Amino acid sequence: MWLNMLFVAIGGFFGANCRYIMSQFFKKRIPSKWALRTLVVNLLGSFLLGFLIGVNGEERITLLLGTGFMGAFTTYSTFNLETIQLFQTKEKGSAIVYLILTYFGGIMLAFLGLLIGKI
């Protein structure tokens, strides 16, 4: 159990740092008043997690990359907060587009990743 927790912790450390680096990269290059950075990270994470599950790797690799890395890389709480902020600033259209892109896009990309992983 402790070794499994170590794999999750190591993956989480790298996943959180990768999310931070990607957010900073997009922040400097693509100014956007809504949550493009979170959207890109969550969609990429959905695809990669689907791919990882499709490959059906060893348990510790899944703990390291799936639970740890992807768990820290993607961010459901930030997505929720940003959606609420869009509604509060009267940007209902942007909020609805963000919701649709995140949920529908995330599910589709996870499915695509799963299919590709099985090949």
N, C-alpha and C. Protein backbone atom coordinates (compact mmCIF):
# COMPACT_ATOMS: atom_id res chain seq x y z
N MET A 1 0.81 -1.19 0.00
CA MET A 1 0.00 0.00 0.00
C MET A 1 0.87 1.27 0.00
N TRP A 2 1.91 1.31 0.81
CA TRP A 2 2.76 2.50 0.87
C TRP A 2 3.47 2.76 -0.44
N LEU A 3 3.89 1.69 -1.09
CA LEU A 3 4.55 1.85 -2.38
C LEU A 3 3.58 2.40 -3.42
N ASN A 4 2.34 1.92 -3.40
CA ASN A 4 1.32 2.44 -4.30
C ASN A 4 1.08 3.93 -4.05
N MET A 5 1.02 4.32 -2.79
CA MET A 5 0.83 5.73 -2.45
C MET A 5 2.00 6.57 -2.93
N LEU A 6 3.19 6.01 -2.88
CA LEU A 6 4.37 6.72 -3.37
C LEU A 6 4.26 6.95 -4.88
N PHE A 7 3.80 5.95 -5.62
CA PHE A 7 3.61 6.11 -7.06
C PHE A 7 2.59 7.21 -7.36
N VAL A 8 1.49 7.25 -6.61
CA VAL A 8 0.47 8.29 -6.80
C VAL A 8 1.06 9.66 -6.47
N ALA A 9 1.81 9.74 -5.38
CA ALA A 9 2.40 11.03 -4.97
C ALA A 9 3.41 11.54 -6.00
N ILE A 10 4.24 10.67 -6.51
CA ILE A 10 5.23 11.08 -7.52
C ILE A 10 4.51 11.56 -8.79
N GLY A 11 3.53 10.80 -9.22
CA GLY A 11 2.75 11.20 -10.39
C GLY A 11 2.04 12.52 -10.16
N GLY A 12 1.47 12.71 -8.97
CA GLY A 12 0.79 13.95 -8.64
C GLY A 12 1.73 15.15 -8.66
N PHE A 13 2.94 14.96 -8.16
CA PHE A 13 3.93 16.04 -8.16
C PHE A 13 4.21 16.50 -9.59
N PHE A 14 4.46 15.56 -10.47
CA PHE A 14 4.77 15.92 -11.86
C PHE A 14 3.54 16.43 -12.61
N GLY A 15 2.37 15.87 -12.33
CA GLY A 15 1.15 16.33 -12.99
C GLY A 15 0.81 17.76 -12.63
N ALA A 16 0.91 18.10 -11.35
CA ALA A 16 0.61 19.46 -10.91
C ALA A 16 1.59 20.45 -11.51
N ASN A 17 2.85 20.08 -11.54
CA ASN A 17 3.86 20.98 -12.13
C ASN A 17 3.68 21.14 -13.63
N CYS A 18 3.31 20.08 -14.32
CA CYS A 18 3.04 20.19 -15.76
C CYS A 18 1.85 21.09 -16.02
N ARG A 19 0.80 20.98 -15.19
CA ARG A 19 -0.36 21.85 -15.35
C ARG A 19 0.06 23.31 -15.16
N TYR A 20 0.87 23.58 -14.15
CA TYR A 20 1.34 24.95 -13.91
C TYR A 20 2.14 25.47 -15.10
N ILE A 21 3.06 24.66 -15.61
CA ILE A 21 3.90 25.07 -16.73
C ILE A 21 3.04 25.34 -17.97
N MET A 22 2.08 24.45 -18.25
CA MET A 22 1.20 24.66 -19.41
C MET A 22 0.35 25.91 -19.25
N SER A 23 -0.16 26.14 -18.05
CA SER A 23 -0.96 27.33 -17.80
C SER A 23 -0.15 28.60 -18.04
N GLN A 24 1.07 28.61 -17.57
CA GLN A 24 1.93 29.78 -17.76
C GLN A 24 2.27 29.96 -19.24
N PHE A 25 2.51 28.87 -19.93
CA PHE A 25 2.81 28.92 -21.36
C PHE A 25 1.65 29.57 -22.12
N PHE A 26 0.42 29.08 -21.87
CA PHE A 26 -0.75 29.62 -22.57
C PHE A 26 -1.07 31.03 -22.12
N LYS A 27 -0.86 31.34 -20.86
CA LYS A 27 -1.16 32.67 -20.34
C LYS A 27 -0.35 33.74 -21.06
N LYS A 28 0.90 33.43 -21.35
CA LYS A 28 1.79 34.40 -22.01
C LYS A 28 1.52 34.50 -23.50
N ARG A 29 1.06 33.44 -24.13
CA ARG A 29 0.94 33.41 -25.57
C ARG A 29 -0.48 33.63 -26.09
N ILE A 30 -1.46 33.24 -25.31
CA ILE A 30 -2.85 33.35 -25.76
C ILE A 30 -3.67 34.06 -24.69
N PRO A 31 -3.69 35.40 -24.75
CA PRO A 31 -4.51 36.11 -23.76
C PRO A 31 -5.99 35.80 -24.00
N SER A 32 -6.67 35.42 -22.97
CA SER A 32 -8.08 35.07 -23.10
C SER A 32 -8.78 35.46 -21.81
N LYS A 33 -9.98 36.03 -21.95
CA LYS A 33 -10.69 36.40 -20.74
C LYS A 33 -11.45 35.22 -20.14
N TRP A 34 -11.56 34.14 -20.86
CA TRP A 34 -12.13 32.96 -20.22
C TRP A 34 -11.16 31.81 -20.24
N ALA A 35 -11.56 30.71 -19.74
CA ALA A 35 -10.72 29.64 -19.24
C ALA A 35 -10.12 28.73 -20.30
N LEU A 36 -9.48 29.28 -21.29
CA LEU A 36 -8.87 28.48 -22.34
C LEU A 36 -7.81 27.53 -21.79
N ARG A 37 -7.01 28.02 -20.85
CA ARG A 37 -5.93 27.18 -20.28
C ARG A 37 -6.50 25.94 -19.60
N THR A 38 -7.51 26.12 -18.79
CA THR A 38 -8.11 24.98 -18.09
C THR A 38 -8.77 24.03 -19.08
N LEU A 39 -9.43 24.58 -20.08
CA LEU A 39 -10.07 23.75 -21.10
C LEU A 39 -9.05 22.87 -21.80
N VAL A 40 -7.94 23.44 -22.24
CA VAL A 40 -6.92 22.68 -22.97
C VAL A 40 -6.34 21.59 -22.07
N VAL A 41 -6.02 21.93 -20.83
CA VAL A 41 -5.44 20.95 -19.91
C VAL A 41 -6.42 19.81 -19.64
N ASN A 42 -7.70 20.14 -19.41
CA ASN A 42 -8.68 19.10 -19.12
C ASN A 42 -8.97 18.21 -20.33
N LEU A 43 -9.01 18.80 -21.51
CA LEU A 43 -9.25 17.98 -22.71
C LEU A 43 -8.05 17.08 -23.00
N LEU A 44 -6.86 17.62 -22.89
CA LEU A 44 -5.65 16.81 -23.08
C LEU A 44 -5.60 15.69 -22.04
N GLY A 45 -5.89 16.02 -20.80
CA GLY A 45 -5.89 15.01 -19.74
C GLY A 45 -6.92 13.92 -19.97
N SER A 46 -8.09 14.28 -20.49
CA SER A 46 -9.13 13.29 -20.79
C SER A 46 -8.64 12.31 -21.85
N PHE A 47 -8.04 12.86 -22.91
CA PHE A 47 -7.51 12.00 -23.96
C PHE A 47 -6.42 11.07 -23.42
N LEU A 48 -5.47 11.63 -22.69
CA LEU A 48 -4.35 10.84 -22.18
C LEU A 48 -4.80 9.76 -21.19
N LEU A 49 -5.76 10.08 -20.34
CA LEU A 49 -6.26 9.07 -19.41
C LEU A 49 -6.99 7.96 -20.16
N GLY A 50 -7.78 8.33 -21.16
CA GLY A 50 -8.43 7.31 -21.98
C GLY A 50 -7.41 6.41 -22.66
N PHE A 51 -6.35 7.03 -23.20
CA PHE A 51 -5.28 6.26 -23.85
C PHE A 51 -4.62 5.31 -22.86
N LEU A 52 -4.31 5.81 -21.67
CA LEU A 52 -3.67 4.98 -20.65
C LEU A 52 -4.53 3.78 -20.28
N ILE A 53 -5.80 4.00 -20.11
CA ILE A 53 -6.71 2.90 -19.78
C ILE A 53 -6.82 1.94 -20.97
N GLY A 54 -6.84 2.48 -22.17
CA GLY A 54 -6.91 1.63 -23.37
C GLY A 54 -5.70 0.73 -23.50
N VAL A 55 -4.53 1.25 -23.16
CA VAL A 55 -3.30 0.46 -23.20
C VAL A 55 -3.34 -0.65 -22.16
N ASN A 56 -4.07 -0.38 -21.07
CA ASN A 56 -4.26 -1.37 -20.00
C ASN A 56 -2.93 -1.85 -19.43
N GLY A 57 -2.17 -0.88 -18.96
CA GLY A 57 -0.84 -1.17 -18.43
C GLY A 57 -0.86 -1.77 -17.04
N GLU A 58 0.31 -1.96 -16.53
CA GLU A 58 0.51 -2.53 -15.19
C GLU A 58 -0.06 -1.60 -14.13
N GLU A 59 -0.50 -2.16 -13.01
CA GLU A 59 -1.20 -1.40 -11.98
C GLU A 59 -0.41 -0.19 -11.48
N ARG A 60 0.86 -0.36 -11.25
CA ARG A 60 1.66 0.75 -10.70
C ARG A 60 1.85 1.87 -11.73
N ILE A 61 1.91 1.51 -13.00
CA ILE A 61 1.99 2.54 -14.04
C ILE A 61 0.68 3.32 -14.08
N THR A 62 -0.44 2.62 -13.93
CA THR A 62 -1.74 3.29 -13.90
C THR A 62 -1.85 4.19 -12.68
N LEU A 63 -1.33 3.75 -11.53
CA LEU A 63 -1.34 4.59 -10.33
C LEU A 63 -0.47 5.83 -10.54
N LEU A 64 0.70 5.64 -11.11
CA LEU A 64 1.64 6.74 -11.33
C LEU A 64 1.08 7.75 -12.34
N LEU A 65 0.67 7.27 -13.50
CA LEU A 65 0.26 8.16 -14.59
C LEU A 65 -1.23 8.51 -14.56
N GLY A 66 -2.07 7.55 -14.22
CA GLY A 66 -3.52 7.80 -14.22
C GLY A 66 -3.98 8.53 -12.98
N THR A 67 -3.87 7.87 -11.84
CA THR A 67 -4.34 8.45 -10.59
C THR A 67 -3.49 9.65 -10.19
N GLY A 68 -2.17 9.50 -10.22
CA GLY A 68 -1.27 10.56 -9.77
C GLY A 68 -1.15 11.70 -10.76
N PHE A 69 -0.54 11.41 -11.90
CA PHE A 69 -0.26 12.48 -12.87
C PHE A 69 -1.54 13.13 -13.40
N MET A 70 -2.44 12.32 -13.96
CA MET A 70 -3.65 12.89 -14.56
C MET A 70 -4.57 13.49 -13.50
N GLY A 71 -4.59 12.90 -12.31
CA GLY A 71 -5.40 13.45 -11.24
C GLY A 71 -4.96 14.85 -10.85
N ALA A 72 -3.67 15.10 -10.88
CA ALA A 72 -3.15 16.43 -10.54
C ALA A 72 -3.09 17.35 -11.76
N PHE A 73 -2.95 16.78 -12.93
CA PHE A 73 -2.84 17.58 -14.16
C PHE A 73 -4.16 18.21 -14.53
N THR A 74 -5.23 17.43 -14.49
CA THR A 74 -6.55 17.96 -14.81
C THR A 74 -7.13 18.62 -13.57
N THR A 75 -8.11 19.48 -13.77
CA THR A 75 -8.59 20.26 -12.64
C THR A 75 -10.09 20.52 -12.73
N TYR A 76 -10.83 19.68 -12.09
CA TYR A 76 -12.29 19.81 -12.07
C TYR A 76 -12.73 21.00 -11.22
N SER A 77 -12.05 21.25 -10.11
CA SER A 77 -12.45 22.35 -9.23
C SER A 77 -12.23 23.70 -9.90
N THR A 78 -11.13 23.88 -10.62
CA THR A 78 -10.89 25.14 -11.32
C THR A 78 -11.92 25.32 -12.43
N PHE A 79 -12.23 24.25 -13.13
CA PHE A 79 -13.27 24.30 -14.16
C PHE A 79 -14.59 24.79 -13.57
N ASN A 80 -14.99 24.24 -12.42
CA ASN A 80 -16.24 24.66 -11.80
C ASN A 80 -16.21 26.13 -11.39
N LEU A 81 -15.13 26.55 -10.78
CA LEU A 81 -15.00 27.94 -10.35
C LEU A 81 -15.06 28.90 -11.55
N GLU A 82 -14.33 28.58 -12.60
CA GLU A 82 -14.31 29.44 -13.78
C GLU A 82 -15.69 29.51 -14.45
N THR A 83 -16.42 28.41 -14.43
CA THR A 83 -17.78 28.40 -14.99
C THR A 83 -18.68 29.33 -14.18
N ILE A 84 -18.60 29.24 -12.86
CA ILE A 84 -19.41 30.12 -12.00
C ILE A 84 -19.03 31.58 -12.24
N GLN A 85 -17.74 31.86 -12.37
CA GLN A 85 -17.30 33.23 -12.61
C GLN A 85 -17.83 33.76 -13.94
N LEU A 86 -17.89 32.92 -14.96
CA LEU A 86 -18.45 33.36 -16.24
C LEU A 86 -19.93 33.71 -16.09
N PHE A 87 -20.67 32.88 -15.35
CA PHE A 87 -22.09 33.18 -15.12
C PHE A 87 -22.25 34.48 -14.31
N GLN A 88 -21.40 34.67 -13.31
CA GLN A 88 -21.49 35.86 -12.46
C GLN A 88 -21.17 37.15 -13.22
N THR A 89 -20.30 37.06 -14.21
CA THR A 89 -19.95 38.25 -14.99
C THR A 89 -20.87 38.42 -16.19
N LYS A 90 -21.99 37.74 -16.15
CA LYS A 90 -23.02 37.87 -17.20
C LYS A 90 -22.56 37.37 -18.56
N GLU A 91 -21.62 36.45 -18.56
CA GLU A 91 -21.15 35.86 -19.82
C GLU A 91 -21.75 34.45 -19.94
N LYS A 92 -23.06 34.40 -19.92
CA LYS A 92 -23.77 33.12 -19.93
C LYS A 92 -23.45 32.29 -21.18
N GLY A 93 -23.37 32.95 -22.33
CA GLY A 93 -23.05 32.24 -23.56
C GLY A 93 -21.68 31.56 -23.48
N SER A 94 -20.69 32.29 -22.99
CA SER A 94 -19.35 31.72 -22.83
C SER A 94 -19.37 30.58 -21.82
N ALA A 95 -20.13 30.74 -20.76
CA ALA A 95 -20.21 29.69 -19.73
C ALA A 95 -20.81 28.41 -20.31
N ILE A 96 -21.85 28.56 -21.10
CA ILE A 96 -22.50 27.38 -21.70
C ILE A 96 -21.57 26.70 -22.71
N VAL A 97 -20.88 27.50 -23.53
CA VAL A 97 -19.92 26.93 -24.48
C VAL A 97 -18.81 26.20 -23.73
N TYR A 98 -18.32 26.81 -22.66
CA TYR A 98 -17.27 26.19 -21.84
C TYR A 98 -17.74 24.86 -21.25
N LEU A 99 -18.97 24.84 -20.73
CA LEU A 99 -19.53 23.59 -20.18
C LEU A 99 -19.62 22.51 -21.25
N ILE A 100 -20.15 22.86 -22.40
CA ILE A 100 -20.33 21.89 -23.48
C ILE A 100 -18.98 21.38 -23.98
N LEU A 101 -18.05 22.30 -24.23
CA LEU A 101 -16.73 21.88 -24.72
C LEU A 101 -16.02 20.99 -23.71
N THR A 102 -16.11 21.35 -22.44
CA THR A 102 -15.41 20.56 -21.42
C THR A 102 -16.03 19.18 -21.27
N TYR A 103 -17.35 19.12 -21.09
CA TYR A 103 -17.97 17.81 -20.86
C TYR A 103 -18.02 16.96 -22.13
N PHE A 104 -18.59 17.50 -23.18
CA PHE A 104 -18.71 16.72 -24.42
C PHE A 104 -17.33 16.43 -25.00
N GLY A 105 -16.50 17.46 -25.08
CA GLY A 105 -15.15 17.27 -25.62
C GLY A 105 -14.33 16.30 -24.78
N GLY A 106 -14.44 16.42 -23.46
CA GLY A 106 -13.70 15.52 -22.57
C GLY A 106 -14.11 14.06 -22.74
N ILE A 107 -15.41 13.84 -22.83
CA ILE A 107 -15.90 12.47 -23.01
C ILE A 107 -15.46 11.92 -24.37
N MET A 108 -15.59 12.73 -25.40
CA MET A 108 -15.21 12.28 -26.75
C MET A 108 -13.71 12.00 -26.83
N LEU A 109 -12.90 12.87 -26.24
CA LEU A 109 -11.45 12.66 -26.29
C LEU A 109 -11.01 11.48 -25.43
N ALA A 110 -11.67 11.27 -24.29
CA ALA A 110 -11.36 10.09 -23.48
C ALA A 110 -11.69 8.82 -24.27
N PHE A 111 -12.82 8.83 -24.96
CA PHE A 111 -13.22 7.68 -25.78
C PHE A 111 -12.23 7.46 -26.92
N LEU A 112 -11.82 8.55 -27.58
CA LEU A 112 -10.85 8.45 -28.67
C LEU A 112 -9.51 7.91 -28.14
N GLY A 113 -9.07 8.42 -27.00
CA GLY A 113 -7.84 7.93 -26.39
C GLY A 113 -7.93 6.45 -26.06
N LEU A 114 -9.08 6.02 -25.54
CA LEU A 114 -9.30 4.62 -25.22
C LEU A 114 -9.20 3.75 -26.47
N LEU A 115 -9.84 4.20 -27.54
CA LEU A 115 -9.78 3.44 -28.81
C LEU A 115 -8.36 3.34 -29.35
N ILE A 116 -7.66 4.47 -29.34
CA ILE A 116 -6.28 4.49 -29.85
C ILE A 116 -5.38 3.63 -28.96
N GLY A 117 -5.59 3.69 -27.66
CA GLY A 117 -4.80 2.89 -26.73
C GLY A 117 -4.95 1.40 -26.93
N LYS A 118 -6.13 0.98 -27.40
CA LYS A 118 -6.38 -0.43 -27.62
C LYS A 118 -5.75 -0.96 -28.90
N ILE A 119 -5.34 -0.05 -29.78
CA ILE A 119 -4.77 -0.47 -31.07
C ILE A 119 -3.38 -1.05 -30.85
